[in-house]
N, C-alpha and C. Protein backbone atom coordinates (compact mmCIF):
# COMPACT_ATOMS: atom_id res chain seq x y z
N UNK A 1 12.73 -7.25 80.65
CA UNK A 1 13.81 -7.04 81.57
C UNK A 1 13.33 -7.36 82.98
N UNK A 2 14.17 -8.05 83.74
CA UNK A 2 13.83 -8.37 85.13
C UNK A 2 14.22 -7.21 86.03
N UNK A 3 13.32 -6.88 86.92
CA UNK A 3 13.56 -5.82 87.91
C UNK A 3 13.41 -6.42 89.29
N UNK A 4 14.22 -5.96 90.21
CA UNK A 4 14.19 -6.49 91.56
C UNK A 4 13.85 -5.41 92.57
N UNK A 5 13.46 -5.85 93.75
CA UNK A 5 13.27 -4.96 94.88
C UNK A 5 14.39 -5.26 95.87
N UNK A 6 15.02 -4.19 96.38
CA UNK A 6 16.12 -4.34 97.32
C UNK A 6 15.63 -3.97 98.71
N UNK A 7 15.97 -4.81 99.68
CA UNK A 7 15.58 -4.62 101.07
C UNK A 7 16.83 -4.59 101.95
N UNK A 8 16.71 -3.97 103.13
CA UNK A 8 17.77 -3.99 104.14
C UNK A 8 17.26 -4.75 105.35
N UNK A 9 17.99 -5.78 105.74
CA UNK A 9 17.66 -6.55 106.93
C UNK A 9 18.24 -5.85 108.15
N UNK A 10 17.39 -5.59 109.15
CA UNK A 10 17.83 -4.93 110.39
C UNK A 10 17.35 -5.75 111.58
N UNK A 11 17.75 -5.35 112.76
CA UNK A 11 17.29 -6.01 113.97
C UNK A 11 15.78 -5.86 114.15
N UNK A 12 15.21 -4.79 113.58
CA UNK A 12 13.78 -4.53 113.70
C UNK A 12 12.94 -5.16 112.60
N UNK A 13 13.59 -5.77 111.61
CA UNK A 13 12.85 -6.38 110.50
C UNK A 13 13.52 -6.07 109.18
N UNK A 14 12.72 -6.08 108.12
CA UNK A 14 13.23 -5.86 106.77
C UNK A 14 12.59 -4.59 106.21
N UNK A 15 13.43 -3.66 105.73
CA UNK A 15 12.95 -2.39 105.19
C UNK A 15 13.17 -2.35 103.68
N UNK A 16 12.17 -1.91 102.93
CA UNK A 16 12.32 -1.77 101.49
C UNK A 16 13.15 -0.52 101.17
N UNK A 17 14.18 -0.69 100.35
CA UNK A 17 15.04 0.43 99.98
C UNK A 17 14.71 0.98 98.59
N UNK A 18 14.48 0.09 97.62
CA UNK A 18 14.27 0.55 96.26
C UNK A 18 13.58 -0.53 95.43
N UNK A 19 12.66 -0.10 94.56
CA UNK A 19 12.00 -0.99 93.62
C UNK A 19 12.54 -0.75 92.22
N UNK A 20 12.30 -1.69 91.33
CA UNK A 20 12.69 -1.52 89.93
C UNK A 20 14.18 -1.54 89.70
N UNK A 21 14.91 -2.23 90.58
CA UNK A 21 16.37 -2.26 90.48
C UNK A 21 16.79 -3.15 89.31
N UNK A 22 17.68 -2.61 88.48
CA UNK A 22 18.16 -3.35 87.32
C UNK A 22 19.66 -3.64 87.39
N UNK A 23 20.37 -2.97 88.31
CA UNK A 23 21.81 -3.18 88.39
C UNK A 23 22.32 -2.86 89.78
N UNK A 24 23.27 -3.69 90.25
CA UNK A 24 23.98 -3.45 91.50
C UNK A 24 25.46 -3.63 91.22
N UNK A 25 26.25 -2.63 91.59
CA UNK A 25 27.69 -2.66 91.32
C UNK A 25 28.44 -2.49 92.64
N UNK A 26 29.42 -3.35 92.88
CA UNK A 26 30.29 -3.23 94.05
C UNK A 26 31.45 -2.32 93.70
N UNK A 27 31.59 -1.21 94.42
CA UNK A 27 32.68 -0.26 94.22
C UNK A 27 33.37 -0.02 95.55
N UNK A 28 34.57 -0.57 95.70
CA UNK A 28 35.36 -0.43 96.92
C UNK A 28 34.54 -0.86 98.14
N UNK A 29 34.17 0.09 99.01
CA UNK A 29 33.46 -0.24 100.25
C UNK A 29 31.97 0.03 100.16
N UNK A 30 31.44 0.15 98.95
CA UNK A 30 30.02 0.49 98.82
C UNK A 30 29.37 -0.30 97.68
N UNK A 31 28.04 -0.40 97.77
CA UNK A 31 27.23 -0.93 96.68
C UNK A 31 26.51 0.23 96.04
N UNK A 32 26.51 0.27 94.72
CA UNK A 32 25.77 1.27 93.97
C UNK A 32 24.59 0.55 93.34
N UNK A 33 23.38 1.00 93.68
CA UNK A 33 22.15 0.37 93.22
C UNK A 33 21.47 1.32 92.25
N UNK A 34 21.12 0.81 91.06
CA UNK A 34 20.50 1.63 90.02
C UNK A 34 19.15 1.05 89.65
N UNK A 35 18.14 1.92 89.51
CA UNK A 35 16.83 1.43 89.10
C UNK A 35 16.57 1.74 87.63
N UNK A 36 15.42 1.30 87.14
CA UNK A 36 15.09 1.42 85.73
C UNK A 36 14.79 2.86 85.30
N UNK A 37 14.67 3.78 86.24
CA UNK A 37 14.44 5.19 85.92
C UNK A 37 15.71 6.02 86.04
N UNK A 38 16.83 5.36 86.36
CA UNK A 38 18.10 6.06 86.49
C UNK A 38 18.41 6.57 87.88
N UNK A 39 17.52 6.31 88.84
CA UNK A 39 17.80 6.70 90.23
C UNK A 39 18.97 5.87 90.74
N UNK A 40 19.73 6.45 91.65
CA UNK A 40 20.95 5.82 92.16
C UNK A 40 20.95 5.88 93.68
N UNK A 41 21.32 4.77 94.29
CA UNK A 41 21.43 4.70 95.75
C UNK A 41 22.79 4.09 96.06
N UNK A 42 23.57 4.77 96.92
CA UNK A 42 24.88 4.26 97.33
C UNK A 42 24.82 3.89 98.80
N UNK A 43 25.26 2.69 99.11
CA UNK A 43 25.27 2.21 100.49
C UNK A 43 26.67 1.74 100.84
N UNK A 44 27.15 2.18 101.99
CA UNK A 44 28.49 1.79 102.45
C UNK A 44 28.38 0.69 103.50
N UNK A 45 29.41 -0.15 103.50
CA UNK A 45 29.55 -1.20 104.52
C UNK A 45 28.34 -2.11 104.60
N UNK A 46 27.85 -2.55 103.45
CA UNK A 46 26.76 -3.52 103.40
C UNK A 46 27.20 -4.71 102.57
N UNK A 47 26.53 -5.82 102.78
CA UNK A 47 26.79 -7.02 101.99
C UNK A 47 25.47 -7.67 101.62
N UNK A 48 25.51 -8.52 100.64
CA UNK A 48 24.31 -9.23 100.19
C UNK A 48 24.06 -10.39 101.14
N UNK A 49 22.85 -10.43 101.67
CA UNK A 49 22.44 -11.53 102.55
C UNK A 49 21.73 -12.61 101.74
N UNK A 50 20.87 -12.19 100.79
CA UNK A 50 20.10 -13.16 100.01
C UNK A 50 19.71 -12.55 98.67
N UNK A 51 19.78 -13.36 97.62
CA UNK A 51 19.24 -13.01 96.31
C UNK A 51 18.24 -14.10 95.95
N UNK A 52 16.98 -13.72 95.79
CA UNK A 52 15.93 -14.68 95.44
C UNK A 52 15.50 -14.39 94.00
N UNK A 53 15.92 -15.24 93.08
CA UNK A 53 15.62 -15.03 91.67
C UNK A 53 14.17 -15.36 91.32
N UNK A 54 13.52 -16.16 92.13
CA UNK A 54 12.12 -16.49 91.89
C UNK A 54 11.20 -15.31 92.17
N UNK A 55 11.48 -14.59 93.25
CA UNK A 55 10.63 -13.45 93.63
C UNK A 55 11.26 -12.10 93.26
N UNK A 56 12.47 -12.12 92.67
CA UNK A 56 13.19 -10.90 92.29
C UNK A 56 13.43 -9.98 93.48
N UNK A 57 13.81 -10.56 94.62
CA UNK A 57 14.11 -9.80 95.83
C UNK A 57 15.58 -9.95 96.18
N UNK A 58 16.17 -8.86 96.64
CA UNK A 58 17.56 -8.86 97.10
C UNK A 58 17.57 -8.28 98.50
N UNK A 59 18.15 -9.01 99.44
CA UNK A 59 18.21 -8.56 100.83
C UNK A 59 19.66 -8.26 101.18
N UNK A 60 19.88 -7.07 101.71
CA UNK A 60 21.21 -6.64 102.14
C UNK A 60 21.25 -6.60 103.66
N UNK A 61 22.47 -6.57 104.22
CA UNK A 61 22.65 -6.39 105.65
C UNK A 61 23.94 -5.62 105.89
N UNK A 62 24.01 -4.96 107.04
CA UNK A 62 25.22 -4.22 107.42
C UNK A 62 26.35 -5.21 107.68
N UNK A 63 27.57 -4.80 107.34
CA UNK A 63 28.74 -5.65 107.61
C UNK A 63 29.15 -5.52 109.05
């Protein structure tokens, strides 16, 4: 199974939010991020900036 690391792009740089991510679901105004251990992270008003399938990295940014 492929697992990704999710980052948030900010004016100060890129911050790691979660490792081992296996699923991201768009629900209304939020993204729900789930990792391989069942941990859940909900983020509001964000969008995907980049998905890199070679390095398994996903970068988000505020809308």
